[in-house]
PDB file of N, CA and C in Angstrom:
ATOM      1  N   MET A   1     104.330-142.962  26.447  1.00  0.00           N
ATOM      2  CA  MET A   1     103.689-142.417  27.508  1.00  0.00           C
ATOM      3  C   MET A   1     103.310-143.344  28.105  1.00  0.00           C
ATOM      4  N   HIS A   2     104.273-143.517  29.628  1.00  0.00           N
ATOM      5  CA  HIS A   2     103.294-144.931  30.275  1.00  0.00           C
ATOM      6  C   HIS A   2     102.123-144.612  30.997  1.00  0.00           C
ATOM      7  N   THR A   3     101.612-145.630  31.062  1.00  0.00           N
ATOM      8  CA  THR A   3     100.440-145.397  32.046  1.00  0.00           C
ATOM      9  C   THR A   3     100.080-144.616  32.504  1.00  0.00           C
ATOM     10  N   GLY A   4     101.129-144.714  34.123  1.00  0.00           N
ATOM     11  CA  GLY A   4     100.706-143.670  35.274  1.00  0.00           C
ATOM     12  C   GLY A   4     100.786-142.180  34.410  1.00  0.00           C
ATOM     13  N   ALA A   5     101.604-142.112  33.396  1.00  0.00           N
ATOM     14  CA  ALA A   5     101.801-140.527  32.763  1.00  0.00           C
ATOM     15  C   ALA A   5     100.257-140.086  32.043  1.00  0.00           C
ATOM     16  N   LYS A   6      99.720-141.364  31.352  1.00  0.00           N
ATOM     17  CA  LYS A   6      98.315-141.125  30.992  1.00  0.00           C
ATOM     18  C   LYS A   6      97.236-140.883  31.325  1.00  0.00           C
ATOM     19  N   SER A   7      97.537-141.642  32.664  1.00  0.00           N
ATOM     20  CA  SER A   7      96.422-141.285  33.860  1.00  0.00           C
ATOM     21  C   SER A   7      96.700-139.893  34.787  1.00  0.00           C
ATOM     22  N   GLN A   8      97.981-139.254  34.941  1.00  0.00           N
ATOM     23  CA  GLN A   8      97.824-138.124  35.399  1.00  0.00           C
ATOM     24  C   GLN A   8      97.390-137.404  34.767  1.00  0.00           C
ATOM     25  N   THR A   9      97.634-137.032  33.024  1.00  0.00           N
ATOM     26  CA  THR A   9      97.260-136.533  31.847  1.00  0.00           C
ATOM     27  C   THR A   9      95.735-135.952  31.972  1.00  0.00           C
ATOM     28  N   PHE A  10      94.975-137.806  32.350  1.00  0.00           N
ATOM     29  CA  PHE A  10      94.203-137.780  32.339  1.00  0.00           C
ATOM     30  C   PHE A  10      93.085-136.767  33.269  1.00  0.00           C
ATOM     31  N   LEU A  11      93.675-137.195  34.660  1.00  0.00           N
ATOM     32  CA  LEU A  11      93.397-136.458  35.649  1.00  0.00           C
ATOM     33  C   LEU A  11      93.319-135.217  35.780  1.00  0.00           C
ATOM     34  N   ARG A  12      93.907-134.154  34.868  1.00  0.00           N
ATOM     35  CA  ARG A  12      95.007-132.925  34.933  1.00  0.00           C
ATOM     36  C   ARG A  12      93.679-131.983  34.253  1.00  0.00           C
ATOM     37  N   THR A  13      92.901-133.583  32.805  1.00  0.00           N
ATOM     38  CA  THR A  13      92.528-132.698  31.793  1.00  0.00           C
ATOM     39  C   THR A  13      91.180-132.487  32.433  1.00  0.00           C
ATOM     40  N   VAL A  14      90.000-134.193  32.961  1.00  0.00           N
ATOM     41  CA  VAL A  14      89.477-133.962  33.978  1.00  0.00           C
ATOM     42  C   VAL A  14      88.595-132.880  34.992  1.00  0.00           C
ATOM     43  N   SER A  15      90.305-132.841  35.762  1.00  0.00           N
ATOM     44  CA  SER A  15      89.971-131.427  36.092  1.00  0.00           C
ATOM     45  C   SER A  15      89.994-130.554  36.012  1.00  0.00           C
ATOM     46  N   GLN A  16      90.442-129.826  35.389  1.00  0.00           N
ATOM     47  CA  GLN A  16      90.074-128.672  34.277  1.00  0.00           C
ATOM     48  C   GLN A  16      88.960-128.735  33.851  1.00  0.00           C
ATOM     49  N   LEU A  17      88.655-129.439  33.371  1.00  0.00           N
ATOM     50  CA  LEU A  17      87.453-129.614  32.749  1.00  0.00           C
ATOM     51  C   LEU A  17      86.014-129.400  33.840  1.00  0.00           C
ATOM     52  N   LEU A  18      86.222-130.323  35.233  1.00  0.00           N
ATOM     53  CA  LEU A  18      85.516-129.744  36.608  1.00  0.00           C
ATOM     54  C   LEU A  18      85.442-128.237  36.547  1.00  0.00           C
ATOM     55  N   ALA A  19      87.174-127.609  36.413  1.00  0.00           N
ATOM     56  CA  ALA A  19      86.698-126.562  37.433  1.00  0.00           C
ATOM     57  C   ALA A  19      85.900-125.037  36.502  1.00  0.00           C
ATOM     58  N   MET A  20      86.037-125.426  34.895  1.00  0.00           N
ATOM     59  CA  MET A  20      85.162-124.998  34.152  1.00  0.00           C
ATOM     60  C   MET A  20      83.508-124.570  34.016  1.00  0.00           C
ATOM     61  N   THR A  21      83.367-123.616  34.065  1.00  0.00           N
ATOM     62  CA  THR A  21      82.209-122.892  34.649  1.00  0.00           C
ATOM     63  C   THR A  21      80.901-122.778  33.232  1.00  0.00           C
ATOM     64  N   ALA A  22      80.102-122.862  33.076  1.00  0.00           N
ATOM     65  CA  ALA A  22      79.072-122.826  31.702  1.00  0.00           C
ATOM     66  C   ALA A  22      79.235-120.991  31.523  1.00  0.00           C
ATOM     67  N   TYR A  23      78.748-120.717  30.745  1.00  0.00           N
ATOM     68  CA  TYR A  23      78.603-119.350  30.154  1.00  0.00           C
ATOM     69  C   TYR A  23      77.775-119.151  29.196  1.00  0.00           C
ATOM     70  N   THR A  24      76.883-117.334  29.382  1.00  0.00           N
ATOM     71  CA  THR A  24      76.642-117.308  27.838  1.00  0.00           C
ATOM     72  C   THR A  24      76.953-116.334  27.696  1.00  0.00           C
ATOM     73  N   ALA A  25      76.921-115.578  26.307  1.00  0.00           N
ATOM     74  CA  ALA A  25      77.744-113.961  25.694  1.00  0.00           C
ATOM     75  C   ALA A  25      76.427-113.718  24.857  1.00  0.00           C
ATOM     76  N   THR A  26      76.497-112.844  24.728  1.00  0.00           N
ATOM     77  CA  THR A  26      75.369-112.012  23.706  1.00  0.00           C
ATOM     78  C   THR A  26      76.232-111.273  23.432  1.00  0.00           C
ATOM     79  N   VAL A  27      76.625-111.190  21.864  1.00  0.00           N
ATOM     80  CA  VAL A  27      77.489-109.964  20.794  1.00  0.00           C
ATOM     81  C   VAL A  27      76.024-109.953  20.365  1.00  0.00           C
ATOM     82  N   THR A  28      76.237-108.415  20.126  1.00  0.00           N
ATOM     83  CA  THR A  28      75.042-107.422  19.689  1.00  0.00           C
ATOM     84  C   THR A  28      76.127-106.951  18.334  1.00  0.00           C
ATOM     85  N   VAL A  29      75.655-107.087  17.077  1.00  0.00           N
ATOM     86  CA  VAL A  29      76.562-106.337  16.393  1.00  0.00           C
ATOM     87  C   VAL A  29      75.303-105.275  15.452  1.00  0.00           C
ATOM     88  N   ARG A  30      76.178-103.722  15.264  1.00  0.00           N
ATOM     89  CA  ARG A  30      75.387-103.035  14.734  1.00  0.00           C
ATOM     90  C   ARG A  30      76.068-102.044  13.606  1.00  0.00           C
ATOM     91  N   LEU A  31      75.329-102.060  12.762  1.00  0.00           N
ATOM     92  CA  LEU A  31      76.156-101.008  11.847  1.00  0.00           C
ATOM     93  C   LEU A  31      76.606 -99.383  12.588  1.00  0.00           C
ATOM     94  N   LYS A  32      78.018 -99.036  12.058  1.00  0.00           N
ATOM     95  CA  LYS A  32      78.603 -97.631  12.670  1.00  0.00           C
ATOM     96  C   LYS A  32      77.344 -96.288  12.496  1.00  0.00           C
ATOM     97  N   THR A  33      77.514 -95.802  12.880  1.00  0.00           N
ATOM     98  CA  THR A  33      76.855 -94.452  12.809  1.00  0.00           C
ATOM     99  C   THR A  33      77.451 -93.609  11.729  1.00  0.00           C
ATOM    100  N   GLY A  34      76.807 -93.720  10.497  1.00  0.00           N
ATOM    101  CA  GLY A  34      77.283 -93.270   8.710  1.00  0.00           C
ATOM    102  C   GLY A  34      77.129 -94.064   8.443  1.00  0.00           C
ATOM    103  N   VAL A  35      77.157 -95.711   8.433  1.00  0.00           N
ATOM    104  CA  VAL A  35      77.142 -96.415   7.631  1.00  0.00           C
ATOM    105  C   VAL A  35      75.499 -96.539   6.764  1.00  0.00           C
ATOM    106  N   LEU A  36      75.455 -96.627   5.615  1.00  0.00           N
ATOM    107  CA  LEU A  36      73.809 -97.061   5.305  1.00  0.00           C
ATOM    108  C   LEU A  36      73.346 -98.145   5.837  1.00  0.00           C
ATOM    109  N   ASP A  37      72.346 -98.263   6.252  1.00  0.00           N
ATOM    110  CA  ASP A  37      71.398 -99.608   6.699  1.00  0.00           C
ATOM    111  C   ASP A  37      69.897 -99.586   6.114  1.00  0.00           C
ATOM    112  N   PRO A  38      69.716 -99.845   4.919  1.00  0.00           N
ATOM    113  CA  PRO A  38      68.607 -99.908   4.318  1.00  0.00           C
ATOM    114  C   PRO A  38      67.676-100.641   5.456  1.00  0.00           C
ATOM    115  N   GLU A  39      67.481-101.946   6.164  1.00  0.00           N
ATOM    116  CA  GLU A  39      66.487-102.640   6.503  1.00  0.00           C
ATOM    117  C   GLU A  39      65.580-101.866   7.525  1.00  0.00           C
ATOM    118  N   ALA A  40      66.834-101.163   8.978  1.00  0.00           N
ATOM    119  CA  ALA A  40      66.774 -99.964   9.280  1.00  0.00           C
ATOM    120  C   ALA A  40      65.873 -98.738   8.736  1.00  0.00           C
ATOM    121  N   GLU A  41      66.236 -98.621   7.517  1.00  0.00           N
ATOM    122  CA  GLU A  41      65.498 -97.185   6.704  1.00  0.00           C
ATOM    123  C   GLU A  41      63.844 -98.056   6.520  1.00  0.00           C
ATOM    124  N   THR A  42      64.240 -99.029   5.697  1.00  0.00           N
ATOM    125  CA  THR A  42      62.803 -99.417   5.196  1.00  0.00           C
ATOM    126  C   THR A  42      61.719 -99.436   6.472  1.00  0.00           C
ATOM    127  N   THR A  43      62.635 -99.921   7.533  1.00  0.00           N
ATOM    128  CA  THR A  43      61.195-100.662   8.973  1.00  0.00           C
ATOM    129  C   THR A  43      60.868 -99.407   9.251  1.00  0.00           C
ATOM    130  N   GLN A  44      61.944 -98.187   9.941  1.00  0.00           N
ATOM    131  CA  GLN A  44      61.798 -97.145   9.903  1.00  0.00           C
ATOM    132  C   GLN A  44      60.335 -95.834   9.022  1.00  0.00           C
ATOM    133  N   ARG A  45      60.519 -96.234   7.977  1.00  0.00           N
ATOM    134  CA  ARG A  45      59.505 -95.398   7.379  1.00  0.00           C
ATOM    135  C   ARG A  45      58.215 -96.344   7.172  1.00  0.00           C
ATOM    136  N   ALA A  46      57.901 -98.302   7.439  1.00  0.00           N
ATOM    137  CA  ALA A  46      56.627 -98.535   7.528  1.00  0.00           C
ATOM    138  C   ALA A  46      55.931 -98.258   9.265  1.00  0.00           C
ATOM    139  N   LEU A  47      56.673 -97.853  10.054  1.00  0.00           N
ATOM    140  CA  LEU A  47      56.223 -97.652  11.253  1.00  0.00           C
ATOM    141  C   LEU A  47      55.755 -96.367  10.908  1.00  0.00           C
ATOM    142  N   GLU A  48      56.763 -95.020  10.958  1.00  0.00           N
ATOM    143  CA  GLU A  48      55.960 -94.324  10.388  1.00  0.00           C
ATOM    144  C   GLU A  48      55.002 -94.185  10.124  1.00  0.00           C
ATOM    145  N   ARG A  49      54.556 -95.056   8.798  1.00  0.00           N
ATOM    146  CA  ARG A  49      53.492 -94.902   8.162  1.00  0.00           C
ATOM    147  C   ARG A  49      52.530 -95.756   9.044  1.00  0.00           C
ATOM    148  N   LEU A  50      52.751 -96.479  10.117  1.00  0.00           N
ATOM    149  CA  LEU A  50      51.642 -96.872  10.699  1.00  0.00           C
ATOM    150  C   LEU A  50      51.573 -95.577  12.084  1.00  0.00           C
ATOM    151  N   GLY A  51      51.565 -95.029  12.132  1.00  0.00           N
ATOM    152  CA  GLY A  51      51.422 -93.664  13.286  1.00  0.00           C
ATOM    153  C   GLY A  51      52.673 -93.900  14.062  1.00  0.00           C
ATOM    154  N   PHE A  52      53.779 -94.543  14.236  1.00  0.00           N
ATOM    155  CA  PHE A  52      54.759 -94.230  14.834  1.00  0.00           C
ATOM    156  C   PHE A  52      55.768 -92.980  14.476  1.00  0.00           C
ATOM    157  N   GLU A  53      56.238 -92.317  15.680  1.00  0.00           N
ATOM    158  CA  GLU A  53      57.211 -91.189  15.527  1.00  0.00           C
ATOM    159  C   GLU A  53      58.582 -91.590  16.080  1.00  0.00           C
ATOM    160  N   LEU A  54      59.430 -91.722  15.550  1.00  0.00           N
ATOM    161  CA  LEU A  54      60.664 -92.029  15.556  1.00  0.00           C
ATOM    162  C   LEU A  54      61.927 -91.466  15.476  1.00  0.00           C
ATOM    163  N   GLU A  55      62.608 -91.073  16.422  1.00  0.00           N
ATOM    164  CA  GLU A  55      63.583 -90.031  15.922  1.00  0.00           C
ATOM    165  C   GLU A  55      64.893 -91.335  15.135  1.00  0.00           C
ATOM    166  N   SER A  56      64.580 -92.590  15.210  1.00  0.00           N
ATOM    167  CA  SER A  56      65.858 -93.057  14.708  1.00  0.00           C
ATOM    168  C   SER A  56      65.409 -94.527  15.106  1.00  0.00           C
ATOM    169  N   LEU A  57      66.068 -95.386  13.599  1.00  0.00           N
ATOM    170  CA  LEU A  57      66.162 -96.609  14.146  1.00  0.00           C
ATOM    171  C   LEU A  57      67.161 -97.466  13.584  1.00  0.00           C
ATOM    172  N   ARG A  58      67.841 -98.671  13.944  1.00  0.00           N
ATOM    173  CA  ARG A  58      69.195 -98.852  13.335  1.00  0.00           C
ATOM    174  C   ARG A  58      69.002-100.821  13.938  1.00  0.00           C
ATOM    175  N   SER A  59      69.114-101.288  12.683  1.00  0.00           N
ATOM    176  CA  SER A  59      69.655-102.744  12.984  1.00  0.00           C
ATOM    177  C   SER A  59      70.309-102.943  14.127  1.00  0.00           C
ATOM    178  N   ALA A  60      69.981-104.356  14.460  1.00  0.00           N
ATOM    179  CA  ALA A  60      71.300-105.853  14.342  1.00  0.00           C
ATOM    180  C   ALA A  60      71.029-106.832  15.013  1.00  0.00           C
ATOM    181  N   ASP A  61      72.136-107.277  14.358  1.00  0.00           N
ATOM    182  CA  ASP A  61      72.318-108.986  14.695  1.00  0.00           C
ATOM    183  C   ASP A  61      72.329-109.641  16.041  1.00  0.00           C
ATOM    184  N   ARG A  62      71.911-110.666  16.825  1.00  0.00           N
ATOM    185  CA  ARG A  62      72.087-110.625  17.719  1.00  0.00           C
ATOM    186  C   ARG A  62      72.262-112.363  18.070  1.00  0.00           C
ATOM    187  N   PHE A  63      73.651-112.777  18.507  1.00  0.00           N
ATOM    188  CA  PHE A  63      74.040-113.887  18.549  1.00  0.00           C
ATOM    189  C   PHE A  63      74.180-113.868  19.803  1.00  0.00           C
ATOM    190  N   GLU A  64      73.325-115.675  20.473  1.00  0.00           N
ATOM    191  CA  GLU A  64      73.975-116.032  21.705  1.00  0.00           C
ATOM    192  C   GLU A  64      74.637-117.357  21.320  1.00  0.00           C
ATOM    193  N   ILE A  65      76.043-117.556  22.571  1.00  0.00           N
ATOM    194  CA  ILE A  65      76.725-118.224  22.536  1.00  0.00           C
ATOM    195  C   ILE A  65      76.903-118.839  23.635  1.00  0.00           C
ATOM    196  N   ASP A  66      76.530-120.041  23.733  1.00  0.00           N
ATOM    197  CA  ASP A  66      77.097-120.795  25.449  1.00  0.00           C
ATOM    198  C   ASP A  66      78.518-121.559  25.229  1.00  0.00           C
ATOM    199  N   LEU A  67      78.979-121.420  26.025  1.00  0.00           N
ATOM    200  CA  LEU A  67      80.702-121.894  26.054  1.00  0.00           C
ATOM    201  C   LEU A  67      80.720-121.785  28.089  1.00  0.00           C
ATOM    202  N   GLU A  68      81.974-122.714  27.961  1.00  0.00           N
ATOM    203  CA  GLU A  68      82.574-122.707  29.442  1.00  0.00           C
ATOM    204  C   GLU A  68      83.956-122.235  28.933  1.00  0.00           C
ATOM    205  N   ALA A  69      84.202-122.068  30.531  1.00  0.00           N
ATOM    206  CA  ALA A  69      85.649-121.427  30.983  1.00  0.00           C
ATOM    207  C   ALA A  69      86.073-120.956  31.798  1.00  0.00           C
ATOM    208  N   ASP A  70      87.225-120.899  32.060  1.00  0.00           N
ATOM    209  CA  ASP A  70      87.691-121.036  33.415  1.00  0.00           C
ATOM    210  C   ASP A  70      87.002-119.784  33.981  1.00  0.00           C
ATOM    211  N   SER A  71      86.946-118.436  33.472  1.00  0.00           N
ATOM    212  CA  SER A  71      86.439-117.568  34.184  1.00  0.00           C
ATOM    213  C   SER A  71      85.264-116.047  33.478  1.00  0.00           C
ATOM    214  N   LYS A  72      84.721-115.316  33.909  1.00  0.00           N
ATOM    215  CA  LYS A  72      83.683-114.726  33.087  1.00  0.00           C
ATOM    216  C   LYS A  72      84.833-113.736  32.244  1.00  0.00           C
ATOM    217  N   GLU A  73      85.897-113.587  32.755  1.00  0.00           N
ATOM    218  CA  GLU A  73      86.852-112.714  32.062  1.00  0.00           C
ATOM    219  C   GLU A  73      87.386-113.312  30.548  1.00  0.00           C
ATOM    220  N   ALA A  74      87.871-115.173  30.999  1.00  0.00           N
ATOM    221  CA  ALA A  74      88.331-115.553  29.816  1.00  0.00           C
ATOM    222  C   ALA A  74      87.222-116.145  28.891  1.00  0.00           C
ATOM    223  N   ALA A  75      86.090-116.186  29.301  1.00  0.00           N
ATOM    224  CA  ALA A  75      84.950-116.276  27.928  1.00  0.00           C
ATOM    225  C   ALA A  75      84.507-115.478  27.475  1.00  0.00           C
ATOM    226  N   ALA A  76      84.569-113.589  27.950  1.00  0.00           N
ATOM    227  CA  ALA A  76      84.489-112.668  27.438  1.00  0.00           C
ATOM    228  C   ALA A  76      85.743-112.449  25.943  1.00  0.00           C
ATOM    229  N   GLU A  77      87.421-113.060  26.737  1.00  0.00           N
ATOM    230  CA  GLU A  77      87.688-112.690  25.621  1.00  0.00           C
ATOM    231  C   GLU A  77      87.865-113.225  24.300  1.00  0.00           C
ATOM    232  N   ARG A  78      87.441-115.139  24.965  1.00  0.00           N
ATOM    233  CA  ARG A  78      87.327-116.084  23.988  1.00  0.00           C
ATOM    234  C   ARG A  78      85.633-115.659  22.348  1.00  0.00           C
ATOM    235  N   VAL A  79      85.330-114.956  23.182  1.00  0.00           N
ATOM    236  CA  VAL A  79      83.798-114.363  22.590  1.00  0.00           C
ATOM    237  C   VAL A  79      84.134-113.145  22.014  1.00  0.00           C
ATOM    238  N   GLU A  80      84.911-111.919  22.126  1.00  0.00           N
ATOM    239  CA  GLU A  80      85.708-110.766  21.741  1.00  0.00           C
ATOM    240  C   GLU A  80      86.271-111.688  20.323  1.00  0.00           C
ATOM    241  N   GLU A  81      87.474-112.539  20.485  1.00  0.00           N
ATOM    242  CA  GLU A  81      88.070-113.202  19.648  1.00  0.00           C
ATOM    243  C   GLU A  81      86.747-113.716  18.453  1.00  0.00           C
ATOM    244  N   MET A  82      86.122-114.055  18.839  1.00  0.00           N
ATOM    245  CA  MET A  82      85.261-114.814  17.624  1.00  0.00           C
ATOM    246  C   MET A  82      84.154-113.474  16.760  1.00  0.00           C
ATOM    247  N   ALA A  83      84.013-112.314  17.715  1.00  0.00           N
ATOM    248  CA  ALA A  83      82.968-110.920  17.335  1.00  0.00           C
ATOM    249  C   ALA A  83      84.403-110.624  16.028  1.00  0.00           C
ATOM    250  N   GLU A  84      85.515-109.957  16.430  1.00  0.00           N
ATOM    251  CA  GLU A  84      86.306-109.766  15.548  1.00  0.00           C
ATOM    252  C   GLU A  84      86.840-110.477  14.439  1.00  0.00           C
ATOM    253  N   ARG A  85      86.849-111.864  14.850  1.00  0.00           N
ATOM    254  CA  ARG A  85      87.532-113.022  13.717  1.00  0.00           C
ATOM    255  C   ARG A  85      86.238-113.285  12.452  1.00  0.00           C
ATOM    256  N   LEU A  86      84.621-112.990  12.867  1.00  0.00           N
ATOM    257  CA  LEU A  86      83.890-113.892  12.218  1.00  0.00           C
ATOM    258  C   LEU A  86      82.503-112.911  12.371  1.00  0.00           C
ATOM    259  N   LEU A  87      82.060-112.810  13.311  1.00  0.00           N
ATOM    260  CA  LEU A  87      81.018-112.185  13.666  1.00  0.00           C
ATOM    261  C   LEU A  87      80.871-110.726  13.552  1.00  0.00           C
ATOM    262  N   ALA A  88      81.744-109.872  12.958  1.00  0.00           N
ATOM    263  CA  ALA A  88      81.321-108.817  12.423  1.00  0.00           C
ATOM    264  C   ALA A  88      82.512-107.855  12.382  1.00  0.00           C
ATOM    265  N   ASN A  89      82.083-107.100  10.618  1.00  0.00           N
ATOM    266  CA  ASN A  89      83.365-105.860  10.375  1.00  0.00           C
ATOM    267  C   ASN A  89      83.606-105.650  11.135  1.00  0.00           C
ATOM    268  N   PRO A  90      85.394-104.799  11.737  1.00  0.00           N
ATOM    269  CA  PRO A  90      85.346-103.908  12.702  1.00  0.00           C
ATOM    270  C   PRO A  90      85.009-103.158  11.394  1.00  0.00           C
ATOM    271  N   THR A  91      85.426-102.854  10.871  1.00  0.00           N
ATOM    272  CA  THR A  91      86.043-101.581   9.499  1.00  0.00           C
ATOM    273  C   THR A  91      83.992-100.798   9.481  1.00  0.00           C
ATOM    274  N   ILE A  92      82.704-102.003   9.488  1.00  0.00           N
ATOM    275  CA  ILE A  92      81.790-100.817   9.297  1.00  0.00           C
ATOM    276  C   ILE A  92      80.648-101.851  10.436  1.00  0.00           C
ATOM    277  N   HIS A  93      81.318-102.197  11.559  1.00  0.00           N
ATOM    278  CA  HIS A  93      80.194-102.269  12.706  1.00  0.00           C
ATOM    279  C   HIS A  93      80.773-102.497  14.148  1.00  0.00           C
ATOM    280  N   ASP A  94      80.213-102.374  15.166  1.00  0.00           N
ATOM    281  CA  ASP A  94      79.983-102.225  15.699  1.00  0.00           C
ATOM    282  C   ASP A  94      79.926-103.128  16.737  1.00  0.00           C
ATOM    283  N   TYR A  95      80.031-103.520  17.936  1.00  0.00           N
ATOM    284  CA  TYR A  95      79.555-104.834  18.750  1.00  0.00           C
ATOM    285  C   TYR A  95      79.579-104.581  19.966  1.00  0.00           C
ATOM    286  N   ASP A  96      78.731-105.307  20.480  1.00  0.00           N
ATOM    287  CA  ASP A  96      78.989-105.291  22.193  1.00  0.00           C
ATOM    288  C   ASP A  96      78.923-106.993  22.699  1.00  0.00           C
ATOM    289  N   VAL A  97      79.955-106.635  23.915  1.00  0.00           N
ATOM    290  CA  VAL A  97      79.616-108.749  24.087  1.00  0.00           C
ATOM    291  C   VAL A  97      79.006-107.841  25.632  1.00  0.00           C
ATOM    292  N   GLU A  98      78.490-108.986  26.156  1.00  0.00           N
ATOM    293  CA  GLU A  98      77.796-109.088  27.451  1.00  0.00           C
ATOM    294  C   GLU A  98      78.013-111.068  27.677  1.00  0.00           C
ATOM    295  N   VAL A  99      78.867-110.812  29.334  1.00  0.00           N
ATOM    296  CA  VAL A  99      78.841-112.637  29.244  1.00  0.00           C
ATOM    297  C   VAL A  99      77.938-113.174  30.975  1.00  0.00           C
ATOM    298  N   GLU A 100      76.880-113.774  31.089  1.00  0.00           N
ATOM    299  CA  GLU A 100      76.741-114.229  32.073  1.00  0.00           C
ATOM    300  C   GLU A 100      76.558-115.838  32.417  1.00  0.00           C
ATOM    301  N   GLU A 101      76.667-115.567  33.527  1.00  0.00           N
ATOM    302  CA  GLU A 101      76.913-117.681  33.921  1.00  0.00           C
ATOM    303  C   GLU A 101      75.811-117.795  33.731  1.00  0.00           C
ATOM    304  N   ARG A 102      75.397-118.848  33.216  1.00  0.00           N
ATOM    305  CA  ARG A 102      74.614-120.190  33.515  1.00  0.00           C
ATOM    306  C   ARG A 102      74.904-120.734  34.339  1.00  0.00           C
TER     307      ARG A 102
END
């Protein structure tokens, strides 16, 4: 690749980066209904012993991910893939993804 082509590739890469927007995605992962949740059961019993009346309680994990993407939709797609591949086990977990511009 000659110098002119390298410069064009570099400028194209820089302009793509400048066109990206910063987002924060929040992924909330919960066990599906019917899957045992010992942490929530223990916490619910403790709260009830303290005098709080509860109908039910579920535990959840929350992940906040800062990323850059071309659009909110592109950021959501990337985060959905992260959730499917690592953050949640689709067999036993439900998850929600929310994306906001930073």
